[in-house]
């Protein structure tokens, strides 16, 4: 066996890769080798030049980046629209002279600005002044007690609800496909803003950042009714 064959037996692909990685100037010294090298096409397996393989890889990276950028643009656009609506709610709450005005603002903004199909403002505690628009829940109702013990202040919950909960929260026979419950209160929870949709708008994996901020604003504005 020739010395060349013996040498070839001792050299492995990993050795070549390690050598080239440590000697990046190798192809500077032997540039003609670049034109002679061929690699398999990632999809077809057909042999192509190294340059063609690099072009393919760059195009693939470009397409991937474009998809990511487009997704970021869509998210930024949606969040921008949502943020503007939250600002509208904040401004309207600040402009409300009375607690009754604030309740009306919440209902109107949810219906008109956010275009929520079903909106319900409920409480377990009795307001210290006469107001309309807040539905009183009795602790004798089993589902209402369970609802109160399930929710936590500052932690909106989205997804599906049991029929008893839906019937108790919304004054409609129409079944809501998804519901968002925003707990209201600062030190303790005194009520809930319930939002219902006949589609999957309030799916369980929905981000709750803006919902938390809205719940905090509404809680602070109406908290005086329950202290």
Foldseek 3Di string as FASTA:
>chain_A
DDPVVVVVVVDDPVNVVVVCVVCVCPCVVVVVVQQVDWFAAPPPGDTDGPVVNVVVVVVVVVVVVVVVVVVVVVVVVVVVLVVVLLVVLLVQLVVQPDLQSNLVSVVCSVCPVVVFPFKAKEFAAAFPDDHPRYHHDDPVDPVVVVVQVVDDALDKFKAADDPVVCVVGTVDPDHFRMKIWHFAADPGTGIIIITGHNDCPRHRPDDCPSVSVSRVSSNVSNVNRPD
